[in-house]
Amino acid sequence: MPDTKAIARYMRLQPKKTRLMANLIRGLSVNEAIDQLKYSKKKSAKFIMKTLLSAIANAENNDKMSRKDLMIKSILINPGPILRNAKRMRIRARYVTSRIRRRTSHIIITVGEKETAIMGDSIGTKG
C-alpha cells in the first residue's frame, strides 16, 4: 500500500526544538506516538499531534487503511521562512541593534502500514 502523509506549514515553532519531539516518536506505531505526545509538556507536541491525527485520518478515509496497523514511516521538520514583520529590535553590545528572529517550521509526517517480514527467505541460504 502507498504511504500517506500530512503537512503542516508555517508553524510558529523553532525547528531545533521541534526536532527533539520528532525524534521521540520516529518509527513508533501511531497509538504509541499519540501516547508519547499526549503527556509531553512541549509546545511542539501539540502541533505534531495535530499533524499526526491528520495523517491518520487521511490514511483511514482516503487509502482505507486500519488505524491499528499504521506506524510512522518518516517525520521531517524543515525550517520555514523567518518572520521579520514584527519590527522589534534587541540591543546588543555597544548599543548596536539586531532584529529578533521569529522562526517557523514545516512538519511533514508520513504514515504507512507495518511491513510483515517473511520468515525463512534469507535464513540459511547462500547465494
N, C-alpha and C. Protein backbone atom coordinates (compact mmCIF):
# COMPACT_ATOMS: atom_id res chain seq x y z
N MET A 1 0.84 -1.19 0.00
CA MET A 1 0.00 0.00 0.00
C MET A 1 0.88 1.25 0.00
N PRO A 2 0.42 2.30 -0.62
CA PRO A 2 1.20 3.53 -0.61
C PRO A 2 1.15 4.20 0.76
N ASP A 3 2.16 4.99 1.03
CA ASP A 3 2.20 5.71 2.29
C ASP A 3 1.35 6.98 2.18
N THR A 4 0.86 7.44 3.30
CA THR A 4 0.01 8.62 3.36
C THR A 4 0.71 9.68 4.19
N LYS A 5 0.58 10.94 3.78
CA LYS A 5 1.27 11.99 4.53
C LYS A 5 0.36 13.17 4.80
N ALA A 6 0.79 13.94 5.77
CA ALA A 6 0.12 15.19 6.13
C ALA A 6 1.20 16.24 6.35
N ILE A 7 0.91 17.47 5.95
CA ILE A 7 1.88 18.56 6.02
C ILE A 7 1.26 19.73 6.78
N ALA A 8 2.00 20.25 7.74
CA ALA A 8 1.62 21.48 8.43
C ALA A 8 2.71 22.50 8.13
N ARG A 9 2.33 23.60 7.55
CA ARG A 9 3.32 24.59 7.14
C ARG A 9 3.22 25.86 7.98
N TYR A 10 4.34 26.56 8.05
CA TYR A 10 4.44 27.86 8.71
C TYR A 10 4.02 27.81 10.17
N MET A 11 4.36 26.73 10.86
CA MET A 11 4.09 26.63 12.29
C MET A 11 5.05 27.54 13.04
N ARG A 12 4.59 28.27 13.99
CA ARG A 12 5.41 29.22 14.72
C ARG A 12 6.18 28.49 15.83
N LEU A 13 7.07 27.59 15.38
CA LEU A 13 7.90 26.78 16.27
C LEU A 13 9.33 26.83 15.76
N GLN A 14 10.27 26.73 16.67
CA GLN A 14 11.66 26.67 16.25
C GLN A 14 11.98 25.25 15.79
N PRO A 15 12.58 25.08 14.60
CA PRO A 15 12.85 23.73 14.09
C PRO A 15 13.73 22.90 15.01
N LYS A 16 14.71 23.52 15.64
CA LYS A 16 15.63 22.78 16.51
C LYS A 16 14.90 22.16 17.70
N LYS A 17 13.99 22.91 18.30
CA LYS A 17 13.24 22.41 19.45
C LYS A 17 12.16 21.41 19.01
N THR A 18 11.63 21.58 17.82
CA THR A 18 10.60 20.67 17.33
C THR A 18 11.20 19.32 16.97
N ARG A 19 12.43 19.30 16.49
CA ARG A 19 13.09 18.04 16.14
C ARG A 19 13.31 17.15 17.36
N LEU A 20 13.46 17.73 18.53
CA LEU A 20 13.61 16.94 19.75
C LEU A 20 12.37 16.08 19.99
N MET A 21 11.21 16.64 19.77
CA MET A 21 9.96 15.90 19.94
C MET A 21 9.78 14.89 18.81
N ALA A 22 10.18 15.26 17.61
CA ALA A 22 10.02 14.36 16.46
C ALA A 22 10.89 13.11 16.61
N ASN A 23 12.06 13.26 17.20
CA ASN A 23 12.95 12.11 17.37
C ASN A 23 12.38 11.09 18.36
N LEU A 24 11.53 11.53 19.27
CA LEU A 24 10.93 10.61 20.24
C LEU A 24 9.93 9.65 19.59
N ILE A 25 9.22 10.11 18.57
CA ILE A 25 8.14 9.30 18.02
C ILE A 25 8.49 8.66 16.68
N ARG A 26 9.65 8.94 16.15
CA ARG A 26 10.03 8.39 14.85
C ARG A 26 10.09 6.86 14.90
N GLY A 27 9.36 6.18 14.02
CA GLY A 27 9.39 4.73 13.95
C GLY A 27 8.40 4.02 14.85
N LEU A 28 7.64 4.74 15.66
CA LEU A 28 6.67 4.11 16.55
C LEU A 28 5.35 3.86 15.83
N SER A 29 4.53 3.00 16.41
CA SER A 29 3.17 2.87 15.90
C SER A 29 2.41 4.14 16.28
N VAL A 30 1.32 4.40 15.57
CA VAL A 30 0.64 5.67 15.79
C VAL A 30 0.01 5.75 17.18
N ASN A 31 -0.44 4.63 17.71
CA ASN A 31 -1.03 4.66 19.06
C ASN A 31 0.02 4.97 20.12
N GLU A 32 1.22 4.41 19.99
CA GLU A 32 2.30 4.72 20.93
C GLU A 32 2.75 6.17 20.79
N ALA A 33 2.79 6.66 19.55
CA ALA A 33 3.20 8.05 19.32
C ALA A 33 2.20 9.02 19.92
N ILE A 34 0.92 8.72 19.81
CA ILE A 34 -0.10 9.59 20.39
C ILE A 34 0.04 9.63 21.91
N ASP A 35 0.33 8.48 22.52
CA ASP A 35 0.54 8.46 23.97
C ASP A 35 1.75 9.29 24.38
N GLN A 36 2.83 9.21 23.60
CA GLN A 36 4.04 9.99 23.90
C GLN A 36 3.73 11.49 23.81
N LEU A 37 3.01 11.89 22.77
CA LEU A 37 2.74 13.31 22.55
C LEU A 37 1.71 13.85 23.54
N LYS A 38 0.76 13.02 23.94
CA LYS A 38 -0.30 13.47 24.82
C LYS A 38 0.23 13.92 26.18
N TYR A 39 1.27 13.24 26.68
CA TYR A 39 1.76 13.54 28.02
C TYR A 39 3.03 14.38 28.01
N SER A 40 3.36 14.96 26.88
CA SER A 40 4.53 15.83 26.81
C SER A 40 4.12 17.27 27.11
N LYS A 41 5.02 18.00 27.73
CA LYS A 41 4.74 19.39 28.09
C LYS A 41 5.28 20.38 27.06
N LYS A 42 5.90 19.89 26.01
CA LYS A 42 6.49 20.76 25.00
C LYS A 42 5.39 21.39 24.13
N LYS A 43 5.65 22.61 23.69
CA LYS A 43 4.72 23.31 22.82
C LYS A 43 4.60 22.60 21.47
N SER A 44 5.71 22.06 21.00
CA SER A 44 5.71 21.43 19.68
C SER A 44 4.90 20.13 19.66
N ALA A 45 4.70 19.50 20.81
CA ALA A 45 3.95 18.24 20.87
C ALA A 45 2.51 18.43 20.40
N LYS A 46 1.92 19.58 20.72
CA LYS A 46 0.54 19.85 20.32
C LYS A 46 0.41 19.95 18.81
N PHE A 47 1.37 20.60 18.16
CA PHE A 47 1.31 20.78 16.71
C PHE A 47 1.66 19.49 15.97
N ILE A 48 2.60 18.71 16.51
CA ILE A 48 2.94 17.43 15.89
C ILE A 48 1.76 16.47 16.04
N MET A 49 1.08 16.50 17.18
CA MET A 49 -0.09 15.65 17.41
C MET A 49 -1.19 15.99 16.40
N LYS A 50 -1.43 17.26 16.17
CA LYS A 50 -2.46 17.68 15.23
C LYS A 50 -2.14 17.20 13.81
N THR A 51 -0.88 17.29 13.42
CA THR A 51 -0.47 16.83 12.10
C THR A 51 -0.55 15.31 12.00
N LEU A 52 -0.18 14.61 13.07
CA LEU A 52 -0.26 13.15 13.09
C LEU A 52 -1.70 12.67 12.97
N LEU A 53 -2.62 13.30 13.68
CA LEU A 53 -4.03 12.92 13.59
C LEU A 53 -4.58 13.18 12.20
N SER A 54 -4.09 14.22 11.54
CA SER A 54 -4.49 14.49 10.16
C SER A 54 -3.98 13.41 9.22
N ALA A 55 -2.74 12.94 9.43
CA ALA A 55 -2.17 11.88 8.59
C ALA A 55 -2.94 10.57 8.81
N ILE A 56 -3.34 10.30 10.05
CA ILE A 56 -4.11 9.09 10.34
C ILE A 56 -5.48 9.15 9.66
N ALA A 57 -6.12 10.30 9.72
CA ALA A 57 -7.42 10.47 9.08
C ALA A 57 -7.31 10.33 7.56
N ASN A 58 -6.23 10.85 6.99
CA ASN A 58 -6.01 10.70 5.55
C ASN A 58 -5.86 9.23 5.18
N ALA A 59 -5.13 8.48 5.99
CA ALA A 59 -4.90 7.07 5.71
C ALA A 59 -6.19 6.27 5.84
N GLU A 60 -6.99 6.58 6.84
CA GLU A 60 -8.23 5.83 7.05
C GLU A 60 -9.27 6.13 5.98
N ASN A 61 -9.43 7.40 5.65
CA ASN A 61 -10.50 7.80 4.73
C ASN A 61 -10.12 7.67 3.26
N ASN A 62 -8.91 8.07 2.91
CA ASN A 62 -8.52 8.07 1.50
C ASN A 62 -7.96 6.73 1.03
N ASP A 63 -7.15 6.09 1.87
CA ASP A 63 -6.49 4.85 1.46
C ASP A 63 -7.05 3.60 2.11
N LYS A 64 -8.11 3.75 2.92
CA LYS A 64 -8.79 2.61 3.55
C LYS A 64 -7.83 1.72 4.36
N MET A 65 -6.94 2.34 5.13
CA MET A 65 -6.02 1.60 6.00
C MET A 65 -6.60 1.52 7.40
N SER A 66 -6.22 0.50 8.13
CA SER A 66 -6.67 0.32 9.51
C SER A 66 -5.73 1.08 10.46
N ARG A 67 -6.31 1.73 11.44
CA ARG A 67 -5.51 2.53 12.37
C ARG A 67 -4.56 1.69 13.20
N LYS A 68 -4.95 0.48 13.54
CA LYS A 68 -4.11 -0.36 14.40
C LYS A 68 -2.86 -0.86 13.67
N ASP A 69 -2.88 -0.84 12.34
CA ASP A 69 -1.73 -1.30 11.56
C ASP A 69 -0.80 -0.17 11.13
N LEU A 70 -1.13 1.06 11.46
CA LEU A 70 -0.33 2.20 11.00
C LEU A 70 0.87 2.45 11.90
N MET A 71 1.96 2.87 11.29
CA MET A 71 3.15 3.31 12.02
C MET A 71 3.73 4.53 11.32
N ILE A 72 4.56 5.26 12.03
CA ILE A 72 5.16 6.46 11.48
C ILE A 72 6.37 6.05 10.65
N LYS A 73 6.28 6.25 9.34
CA LYS A 73 7.38 5.90 8.45
C LYS A 73 8.48 6.97 8.50
N SER A 74 8.07 8.22 8.41
CA SER A 74 9.06 9.30 8.49
C SER A 74 8.38 10.55 9.05
N ILE A 75 9.19 11.35 9.69
CA ILE A 75 8.74 12.65 10.19
C ILE A 75 9.86 13.64 9.94
N LEU A 76 9.55 14.68 9.20
CA LEU A 76 10.54 15.69 8.83
C LEU A 76 10.13 17.03 9.41
N ILE A 77 11.10 17.72 9.97
CA ILE A 77 10.90 19.08 10.47
C ILE A 77 11.84 19.98 9.67
N ASN A 78 11.28 20.71 8.74
CA ASN A 78 12.08 21.60 7.89
C ASN A 78 11.90 23.03 8.34
N PRO A 79 12.94 23.85 8.23
CA PRO A 79 12.78 25.25 8.59
C PRO A 79 11.96 26.01 7.56
N GLY A 80 11.09 26.86 8.05
CA GLY A 80 10.30 27.72 7.19
C GLY A 80 10.93 29.10 7.12
N PRO A 81 10.22 30.05 6.57
CA PRO A 81 10.78 31.40 6.49
C PRO A 81 10.86 32.04 7.88
N ILE A 82 11.79 32.94 8.03
CA ILE A 82 11.95 33.66 9.29
C ILE A 82 11.07 34.90 9.22
N LEU A 83 10.15 35.02 10.16
CA LEU A 83 9.24 36.16 10.16
C LEU A 83 9.96 37.40 10.65
N ARG A 84 9.91 38.42 9.86
CA ARG A 84 10.56 39.67 10.23
C ARG A 84 9.58 40.83 10.23
N ASN A 85 8.29 40.52 10.13
CA ASN A 85 7.32 41.61 10.08
C ASN A 85 7.13 42.26 11.43
N ALA A 86 7.50 41.58 12.50
CA ALA A 86 7.46 42.21 13.81
C ALA A 86 8.70 43.10 13.92
N LYS A 87 8.49 44.38 13.93
CA LYS A 87 9.60 45.33 13.88
C LYS A 87 10.21 45.53 15.26
N ARG A 88 10.61 44.43 15.86
CA ARG A 88 11.19 44.53 17.18
C ARG A 88 12.69 44.35 17.09
N MET A 89 13.39 45.07 17.92
CA MET A 89 14.86 45.05 17.91
C MET A 89 15.37 44.68 19.29
N ARG A 90 16.56 44.15 19.31
CA ARG A 90 17.24 43.82 20.55
C ARG A 90 18.55 44.59 20.57
N ILE A 91 18.83 45.22 21.68
CA ILE A 91 20.07 45.97 21.80
C ILE A 91 21.20 45.02 22.15
N ARG A 92 22.28 45.09 21.38
CA ARG A 92 23.42 44.22 21.58
C ARG A 92 24.57 45.03 22.19
N ALA A 93 25.75 44.51 22.11
CA ALA A 93 26.91 45.19 22.68
C ALA A 93 27.16 46.52 21.97
N ARG A 94 27.61 47.49 22.73
CA ARG A 94 27.96 48.82 22.24
C ARG A 94 26.78 49.51 21.55
N TYR A 95 25.56 49.23 22.01
CA TYR A 95 24.33 49.84 21.53
C TYR A 95 24.05 49.59 20.05
N VAL A 96 24.50 48.44 19.57
CA VAL A 96 24.16 48.02 18.22
C VAL A 96 22.88 47.22 18.31
N THR A 97 21.97 47.44 17.38
CA THR A 97 20.70 46.72 17.43
C THR A 97 20.68 45.61 16.38
N SER A 98 19.94 44.55 16.69
CA SER A 98 19.71 43.47 15.73
C SER A 98 18.25 43.06 15.84
N ARG A 99 17.74 42.53 14.76
CA ARG A 99 16.33 42.14 14.73
C ARG A 99 16.10 40.85 15.50
N ILE A 100 14.92 40.72 16.05
CA ILE A 100 14.51 39.48 16.70
C ILE A 100 13.97 38.56 15.61
N ARG A 101 14.51 37.37 15.53
CA ARG A 101 14.09 36.42 14.51
C ARG A 101 12.97 35.54 15.03
N ARG A 102 11.90 35.44 14.27
CA ARG A 102 10.77 34.59 14.60
C ARG A 102 10.81 33.40 13.65
N ARG A 103 11.30 32.28 14.13
CA ARG A 103 11.49 31.12 13.26
C ARG A 103 10.19 30.34 13.09
N THR A 104 10.03 29.72 11.92
CA THR A 104 8.88 28.89 11.64
C THR A 104 9.34 27.51 11.17
N SER A 105 8.42 26.55 11.19
CA SER A 105 8.74 25.17 10.82
C SER A 105 7.68 24.62 9.89
N HIS A 106 8.09 23.67 9.05
CA HIS A 106 7.18 22.86 8.27
C HIS A 106 7.27 21.44 8.83
N ILE A 107 6.15 20.83 9.17
CA ILE A 107 6.10 19.48 9.72
C ILE A 107 5.51 18.56 8.66
N ILE A 108 6.24 17.50 8.30
CA ILE A 108 5.78 16.53 7.31
C ILE A 108 5.82 15.15 7.95
N ILE A 109 4.66 14.53 8.08
CA ILE A 109 4.56 13.20 8.70
C ILE A 109 4.02 12.22 7.67
N THR A 110 4.74 11.10 7.49
CA THR A 110 4.31 10.04 6.59
C THR A 110 4.00 8.80 7.41
N VAL A 111 2.80 8.26 7.23
CA VAL A 111 2.40 7.04 7.92
C VAL A 111 2.12 5.95 6.89
N GLY A 112 2.33 4.71 7.30
CA GLY A 112 2.07 3.58 6.43
C GLY A 112 1.82 2.34 7.26
N GLU A 113 1.43 1.27 6.59
CA GLU A 113 1.17 0.04 7.30
C GLU A 113 2.47 -0.64 7.69
N LYS A 114 2.40 -1.38 8.80
CA LYS A 114 3.56 -2.13 9.26
C LYS A 114 3.87 -3.22 8.25
N GLU A 115 5.15 -3.35 7.92
CA GLU A 115 5.54 -4.38 6.97
C GLU A 115 5.85 -5.66 7.73
N THR A 116 5.24 -6.73 7.31
CA THR A 116 5.49 -8.02 7.95
C THR A 116 6.59 -8.73 7.19
N ALA A 117 7.61 -9.15 7.91
CA ALA A 117 8.74 -9.84 7.28
C ALA A 117 8.37 -11.29 7.03
N ILE A 118 8.76 -11.79 5.89
CA ILE A 118 8.51 -13.19 5.55
C ILE A 118 9.66 -14.00 6.14
N MET A 119 9.31 -14.90 7.03
CA MET A 119 10.31 -15.69 7.71
C MET A 119 10.83 -16.80 6.81
N GLY A 120 12.13 -17.05 6.83
CA GLY A 120 12.71 -18.18 6.12
C GLY A 120 13.21 -17.88 4.73
N ASP A 121 13.03 -16.67 4.22
CA ASP A 121 13.51 -16.38 2.87
C ASP A 121 15.02 -16.29 2.81
N SER A 122 15.62 -15.58 3.77
CA SER A 122 17.06 -15.37 3.69
C SER A 122 17.82 -16.13 4.76
N ILE A 123 17.15 -16.90 5.54
CA ILE A 123 17.81 -17.63 6.62
C ILE A 123 18.36 -18.94 6.09
N GLY A 124 19.64 -19.16 6.25
CA GLY A 124 20.27 -20.42 5.89
C GLY A 124 20.51 -20.62 4.41
N THR A 125 20.34 -19.59 3.60
CA THR A 125 20.59 -19.74 2.18
C THR A 125 21.86 -18.98 1.80
N LYS A 126 22.59 -19.50 0.88
CA LYS A 126 23.77 -18.82 0.38
C LYS A 126 23.52 -18.46 -1.07
N GLY A 127 24.10 -17.32 -1.41
CA GLY A 127 23.89 -17.13 -2.75
C GLY A 127 23.95 -15.97 -3.48
